[in-house]
């Protein structure tokens, strides 16, 4: 019998992993470039700030009339946070975050020095709002893609993750709280600098709107449009329903033995994980077999495995 070469067997798996990592790096590079362009083309002309360390850098840049550029603070502000990340967080996450932070800073410096096209006439209030919202959607989409690929732009992401691990506080709550403080500070700086209270209120309000829109876009990218649903089906015809779902929808089905509290009879609960676009078809299958069936449909944040999310 010919001996099995374990090294050769592992090579395809190793090659696939390398290809996945290369693909992730390329996509994250594109997304971080989009973020830096959004800052220079959409946020800066409108005079608003984004969140995190970048937002603080933009705030300082506005306060100093550009004497202290935002890209410089991104480097300075992220340095101690990256040291903490290397010490306490996963090495892959930290290496990608370091790469993206450096690239983001370099691109902010380059795009800030280049003559950039004017996309919207921000002197007009309506177009200024459009610029802010479009920038927020762009930042949320690109940021969400980076996180889905296993990376981060550093800053508040690292702080939020560390505080979440230590105190079990929601990362979203931490991040939004810190970002609102940045937005309000912008309003104070703008009001003092322009001696105009309303100008400060406008700057803070637009920044908070941008943060809110960005969080919606970010969360939708993270969760995906075609979201995962968990179905619990209670039916006396479970033996007819399950094979139909297996054969027609090619979705796995799990049987869970249970007992009805009211009838005190043994029953079988049908457990199915599916996608939003398949939900109507499965519901139709169930009701065709048993119009009296009870179907519980639950939103599921994420499922990792074959047929669902891939692990980077």
Protein backbone atom coordinates (compact mmCIF):
# COMPACT_ATOMS: atom_id res chain seq x y z
CA UNK A 1 0.00 0.00 0.00
CA UNK A 2 1.32 3.45 -0.96
CA UNK A 3 1.94 5.62 2.12
CA UNK A 4 -0.13 8.76 2.48
CA UNK A 5 1.82 11.97 2.25
CA UNK A 6 0.24 14.09 4.98
CA UNK A 7 2.15 17.18 3.78
CA UNK A 8 0.57 17.00 0.32
CA UNK A 9 -2.89 16.50 1.81
CA UNK A 10 -2.53 19.66 3.89
CA UNK A 11 -1.18 21.76 1.01
CA UNK A 12 -4.57 22.49 -0.66
CA UNK A 13 -5.99 23.60 2.68
CA UNK A 14 -2.98 25.80 3.33
CA UNK A 15 -3.19 27.25 -0.20
CA UNK A 16 -6.89 28.04 0.26
CA UNK A 17 -6.15 29.81 3.52
CA UNK A 18 -3.38 31.87 1.89
CA UNK A 19 -5.72 32.83 -0.97
CA UNK A 20 -8.41 33.86 1.51
CA UNK A 21 -5.94 36.04 3.39
CA UNK A 22 -4.70 37.67 0.16
CA UNK A 23 -8.28 38.34 -0.90
CA UNK A 24 -9.04 39.82 2.53
CA UNK A 25 -5.98 42.12 2.38
CA UNK A 26 -6.85 43.35 -1.13
CA UNK A 27 -10.48 44.05 -0.20
CA UNK A 28 -9.51 45.77 3.07
CA UNK A 29 -7.01 47.94 1.15
CA UNK A 30 -9.77 49.03 -1.23
CA UNK A 31 -12.17 49.74 1.64
CA UNK A 32 -9.68 51.79 3.65
CA UNK A 33 -8.91 53.84 0.51
CA UNK A 34 -12.63 54.52 0.12
CA UNK A 35 -12.75 55.65 3.76
CA UNK A 36 -9.85 58.08 3.32
CA UNK A 37 -11.47 59.50 0.17
CA UNK A 38 -14.78 59.91 2.01
CA UNK A 39 -13.04 61.91 4.74
CA UNK A 40 -11.36 64.27 2.27
CA UNK A 41 -14.14 64.57 -0.32
CA UNK A 42 -17.29 64.47 1.82
CA UNK A 43 -16.61 65.10 5.52
CA UNK A 44 -13.91 67.76 5.44
CA UNK A 45 -15.64 70.10 2.95
CA UNK A 46 -18.82 69.89 5.06
CA UNK A 47 -16.86 70.65 8.25
CA UNK A 48 -18.07 67.62 10.21
CA UNK A 49 -16.24 64.85 12.04
CA UNK A 50 -16.39 61.11 11.88
CA UNK A 51 -15.97 58.93 14.95
CA UNK A 52 -12.99 57.52 16.80
CA UNK A 53 -9.39 58.66 16.68
CA UNK A 54 -9.92 59.97 13.14
CA UNK A 55 -12.73 62.18 14.43
CA UNK A 56 -10.50 63.58 17.17
CA UNK A 57 -7.80 64.23 14.56
CA UNK A 58 -10.29 66.09 12.35
CA UNK A 59 -11.48 68.07 15.37
CA UNK A 60 -7.91 69.16 16.18
CA UNK A 61 -7.29 69.97 12.50
CA UNK A 62 -10.37 72.23 12.39
CA UNK A 63 -9.40 73.91 15.68
CA UNK A 64 -5.86 74.65 14.43
CA UNK A 65 -6.96 75.60 10.88
CA UNK A 66 -5.01 72.66 9.47
CA UNK A 67 -1.74 73.39 11.29
CA UNK A 68 -2.03 70.02 13.01
CA UNK A 69 -3.32 67.64 10.27
CA UNK A 70 -5.71 64.85 11.12
CA UNK A 71 -3.47 62.15 9.64
CA UNK A 72 -0.73 63.01 12.15
CA UNK A 73 -3.06 62.52 15.10
CA UNK A 74 -4.26 59.23 13.61
CA UNK A 75 -0.66 57.98 13.86
CA UNK A 76 -0.02 59.45 17.33
CA UNK A 77 -3.38 58.47 18.78
CA UNK A 78 -3.31 54.91 17.50
CA UNK A 79 0.24 54.09 18.58
CA UNK A 80 -0.49 53.37 22.30
CA UNK A 81 -3.74 51.62 21.36
CA UNK A 82 -1.93 49.31 18.95
CA UNK A 83 0.58 48.45 21.68
CA UNK A 84 -2.36 47.45 23.90
CA UNK A 85 -3.83 45.44 21.04
CA UNK A 86 -0.57 43.50 20.54
CA UNK A 87 -0.58 42.70 24.25
CA UNK A 88 -4.22 41.73 24.77
CA UNK A 89 -5.89 40.97 21.40
CA UNK A 90 -5.56 38.40 18.62
CA UNK A 91 -2.35 38.75 16.59
CA UNK A 92 -4.09 38.54 13.19
CA UNK A 93 -6.55 41.28 14.13
CA UNK A 94 -3.72 43.46 15.46
CA UNK A 95 -1.46 43.02 12.42
CA UNK A 96 -4.29 43.89 10.04
CA UNK A 97 -5.24 46.88 12.20
CA UNK A 98 -1.62 48.11 12.16
CA UNK A 99 -1.48 47.79 8.36
CA UNK A 100 -4.81 49.57 7.86
CA UNK A 101 -3.97 52.35 10.33
CA UNK A 102 -0.65 53.13 8.62
CA UNK A 103 -2.24 52.98 5.15
CA UNK A 104 -5.14 55.18 6.26
CA UNK A 105 -2.76 57.80 7.68
CA UNK A 106 -0.61 57.82 4.55
CA UNK A 107 -3.65 58.16 2.28
CA UNK A 108 -5.10 60.97 4.39
CA UNK A 109 -1.79 62.83 4.06
CA UNK A 110 -1.58 62.23 0.29
CA UNK A 111 -5.21 63.09 -0.48
CA UNK A 112 -5.00 66.11 1.82
CA UNK A 113 -2.04 67.48 -0.15
CA UNK A 114 -3.59 66.85 -3.57
CA UNK A 115 -6.18 69.12 -5.23
CA UNK A 116 -9.43 67.17 -4.77
CA UNK A 117 -12.55 67.57 -6.92
CA UNK A 118 -15.64 69.24 -5.48
CA UNK A 119 -18.49 66.74 -5.38
CA UNK A 120 -21.14 68.86 -3.66
CA UNK A 121 -21.63 72.57 -3.17
CA UNK A 122 -21.51 72.51 0.63
CA UNK A 123 -22.23 76.25 0.79
CA UNK A 124 -25.82 75.27 0.10
CA UNK A 125 -27.37 73.77 3.28
CA UNK A 126 -29.21 71.01 1.39
CA UNK A 127 -26.10 69.86 -0.47
CA UNK A 128 -24.09 70.01 2.74
CA UNK A 129 -26.52 67.55 4.32
CA UNK A 130 -26.28 65.34 1.22
CA UNK A 131 -22.48 65.37 1.47
CA UNK A 132 -22.62 64.40 5.16
CA UNK A 133 -25.14 61.57 4.64
CA UNK A 134 -23.36 60.21 1.57
CA UNK A 135 -20.09 60.29 3.48
CA UNK A 136 -21.66 58.49 6.44
CA UNK A 137 -23.09 55.73 4.25
CA UNK A 138 -19.72 55.33 2.51
CA UNK A 139 -17.83 55.19 5.82
CA UNK A 140 -20.31 52.75 7.34
CA UNK A 141 -20.22 50.43 4.34
CA UNK A 142 -16.43 50.36 4.04
CA UNK A 143 -15.93 50.05 7.82
CA UNK A 144 -18.41 47.19 7.99
CA UNK A 145 -16.65 45.36 5.18
CA UNK A 146 -13.30 45.74 6.94
CA UNK A 147 -14.70 44.28 10.18
CA UNK A 148 -16.36 41.41 8.29
CA UNK A 149 -12.97 40.62 6.77
CA UNK A 150 -11.39 40.45 10.22
CA UNK A 151 -9.71 43.84 10.36
CA UNK A 152 -10.19 47.22 12.00
CA UNK A 153 -9.14 50.82 11.55
CA UNK A 154 -7.94 50.92 15.16
CA UNK A 155 -8.74 53.67 17.60
CA UNK A 156 -12.09 53.32 19.32
CA UNK A 157 -12.49 49.76 17.99
CA UNK A 158 -9.58 48.67 20.19
CA UNK A 159 -10.84 50.63 23.22
CA UNK A 160 -14.36 49.25 22.77
CA UNK A 161 -13.14 45.68 22.42
CA UNK A 162 -10.91 45.90 25.51
CA UNK A 163 -13.65 47.49 27.66
CA UNK A 164 -16.16 44.95 26.36
CA UNK A 165 -13.90 42.08 27.44
CA UNK A 166 -13.25 43.57 30.86
CA UNK A 167 -16.67 44.99 31.79
CA UNK A 168 -19.06 43.27 29.32
CA UNK A 169 -20.32 46.64 28.08
CA UNK A 170 -21.72 46.62 24.54
CA UNK A 171 -19.10 47.72 21.99
CA UNK A 172 -21.77 49.74 20.18
CA UNK A 173 -22.66 51.61 23.36
CA UNK A 174 -19.02 52.43 24.13
CA UNK A 175 -18.24 53.55 20.60
CA UNK A 176 -21.37 55.68 20.18
CA UNK A 177 -20.91 57.36 23.58
CA UNK A 178 -17.32 58.35 22.80
CA UNK A 179 -18.25 59.53 19.30
CA UNK A 180 -21.12 61.72 20.56
CA UNK A 181 -18.65 63.41 22.93
CA UNK A 182 -16.40 64.14 19.93
CA UNK A 183 -19.33 65.58 17.95
CA UNK A 184 -20.46 67.79 20.84
CA UNK A 185 -16.86 69.00 21.33
CA UNK A 186 -16.79 69.98 17.65
CA UNK A 187 -19.89 72.07 18.25
CA UNK A 188 -18.26 73.83 21.21
CA UNK A 189 -15.05 74.51 19.24
CA UNK A 190 -17.03 75.77 16.24
CA UNK A 191 -19.22 78.03 18.41
CA UNK A 192 -16.21 79.55 20.22
CA UNK A 193 -14.12 79.95 17.07
CA UNK A 194 -16.88 81.56 15.01
CA UNK A 195 -18.49 83.36 17.98
CA UNK A 196 -21.70 81.84 16.67
CA UNK A 197 -23.72 79.49 18.87
CA UNK A 198 -25.89 78.30 15.97
CA UNK A 199 -22.83 77.39 13.89
CA UNK A 200 -21.69 75.17 16.74
CA UNK A 201 -25.09 73.53 17.08
CA UNK A 202 -25.22 72.90 13.33
CA UNK A 203 -21.75 71.29 13.27
CA UNK A 204 -22.53 69.05 16.25
CA UNK A 205 -25.97 68.10 14.90
CA UNK A 206 -24.66 67.18 11.45
CA UNK A 207 -21.84 65.13 13.00
CA UNK A 208 -24.29 63.21 15.20
CA UNK A 209 -26.54 62.57 12.18
CA UNK A 210 -23.50 61.29 10.30
CA UNK A 211 -22.59 58.97 13.18
CA UNK A 212 -26.15 57.63 13.33
CA UNK A 213 -26.35 57.00 9.57
CA UNK A 214 -22.87 55.46 9.58
CA UNK A 215 -23.85 53.04 12.38
CA UNK A 216 -26.93 51.93 10.42
CA UNK A 217 -24.88 51.30 7.27
CA UNK A 218 -22.18 49.56 9.32
CA UNK A 219 -24.65 47.26 11.08
CA UNK A 220 -26.41 46.35 7.83
CA UNK A 221 -23.12 45.35 6.25
CA UNK A 222 -22.15 43.30 9.31
CA UNK A 223 -25.49 41.51 9.50
CA UNK A 224 -26.01 41.33 5.75
CA UNK A 225 -29.18 41.94 3.75
CA UNK A 226 -29.86 38.22 3.30
CA UNK A 227 -29.89 37.51 7.03
CA UNK A 228 -30.02 34.21 8.81
CA UNK A 229 -33.28 33.07 10.39
CA UNK A 230 -33.85 30.36 12.97
CA UNK A 231 -37.11 28.43 12.57
CA UNK A 232 -38.80 26.33 15.25
CA UNK A 233 -41.71 24.36 13.81
CA UNK A 234 -44.27 22.58 15.96
CA UNK A 235 -46.40 20.17 13.96
CA UNK A 236 -47.84 16.66 14.22
CA UNK A 237 -46.74 16.18 10.60
CA UNK A 238 -43.07 16.82 11.25
CA UNK A 239 -42.15 13.55 9.48
CA UNK A 240 -43.61 14.97 6.25
CA UNK A 241 -42.29 18.51 6.64
CA UNK A 242 -38.62 17.72 7.35
CA UNK A 243 -37.91 15.61 4.21
CA UNK A 244 -39.52 18.27 2.01
CA UNK A 245 -37.27 20.99 3.43
CA UNK A 246 -34.23 18.74 3.03
CA UNK A 247 -35.01 17.76 -0.57
CA UNK A 248 -36.42 21.01 -1.93
CA UNK A 249 -34.45 23.65 -0.01
CA UNK A 250 -31.27 21.66 0.70
CA UNK A 251 -31.24 22.97 4.27
CA UNK A 252 -30.32 20.86 7.26
CA UNK A 253 -33.07 19.92 9.68
CA UNK A 254 -32.67 18.95 13.33
CA UNK A 255 -35.20 17.10 15.45
CA UNK A 256 -35.57 18.18 19.07
CA UNK A 257 -37.66 15.92 21.33
CA UNK A 258 -40.02 17.91 23.57
CA UNK A 259 -43.17 17.62 25.65
CA UNK A 260 -46.23 19.86 25.46
CA UNK A 261 -47.02 21.39 28.84
CA UNK A 262 -50.77 21.67 28.20
CA UNK A 263 -51.34 18.24 26.60
CA UNK A 264 -48.44 16.50 28.39
CA UNK A 265 -47.74 14.60 25.17
CA UNK A 266 -44.41 13.85 23.49
CA UNK A 267 -43.72 16.02 20.43
CA UNK A 268 -40.88 16.66 18.00
CA UNK A 269 -39.68 20.19 17.40
CA UNK A 270 -38.20 20.86 13.95
CA UNK A 271 -35.20 23.21 14.06
CA UNK A 272 -34.01 24.87 10.82
CA UNK A 273 -31.41 27.52 10.01
CA UNK A 274 -32.14 29.34 6.76
CA UNK A 275 -31.74 32.61 4.86
CA UNK A 276 -34.27 35.40 4.41
CA UNK A 277 -34.75 34.69 0.69
CA UNK A 278 -35.61 31.04 1.46
CA UNK A 279 -38.05 31.85 4.25
CA UNK A 280 -41.20 32.16 2.11
CA UNK A 281 -40.56 28.83 0.39
CA UNK A 282 -40.06 26.99 3.71
CA UNK A 283 -43.17 28.60 5.18
CA UNK A 284 -45.12 27.42 2.12
CA UNK A 285 -43.82 23.86 2.51
CA UNK A 286 -44.82 23.76 6.18
CA UNK A 287 -48.32 25.15 5.66
CA UNK A 288 -48.94 22.85 2.67
CA UNK A 289 -48.27 19.85 4.89
CA UNK A 290 -49.95 21.21 8.00
CA UNK A 291 -52.05 24.43 7.91
CA UNK A 292 -52.26 24.28 11.73
CA UNK A 293 -48.49 24.17 12.23
CA UNK A 294 -46.88 26.71 14.56
CA UNK A 295 -43.80 28.42 13.11
CA UNK A 296 -41.53 30.55 15.29
CA UNK A 297 -39.15 32.73 13.23
CA UNK A 298 -36.20 34.33 15.05
CA UNK A 299 -33.55 36.73 13.75
CA UNK A 300 -30.11 35.18 14.18
CA UNK A 301 -27.13 37.52 14.39
CA UNK A 302 -24.59 35.19 12.75
CA UNK A 303 -24.07 31.55 11.86
CA UNK A 304 -20.59 30.29 10.97
CA UNK A 305 -20.37 27.10 8.99
CA UNK A 306 -21.11 25.44 5.67
CA UNK A 307 -23.78 27.30 3.75
CA UNK A 308 -23.54 30.37 5.99
CA UNK A 309 -20.72 32.74 7.01
CA UNK A 310 -17.15 31.75 6.25
CA UNK A 311 -14.41 32.05 8.82
CA UNK A 312 -11.51 34.26 7.70
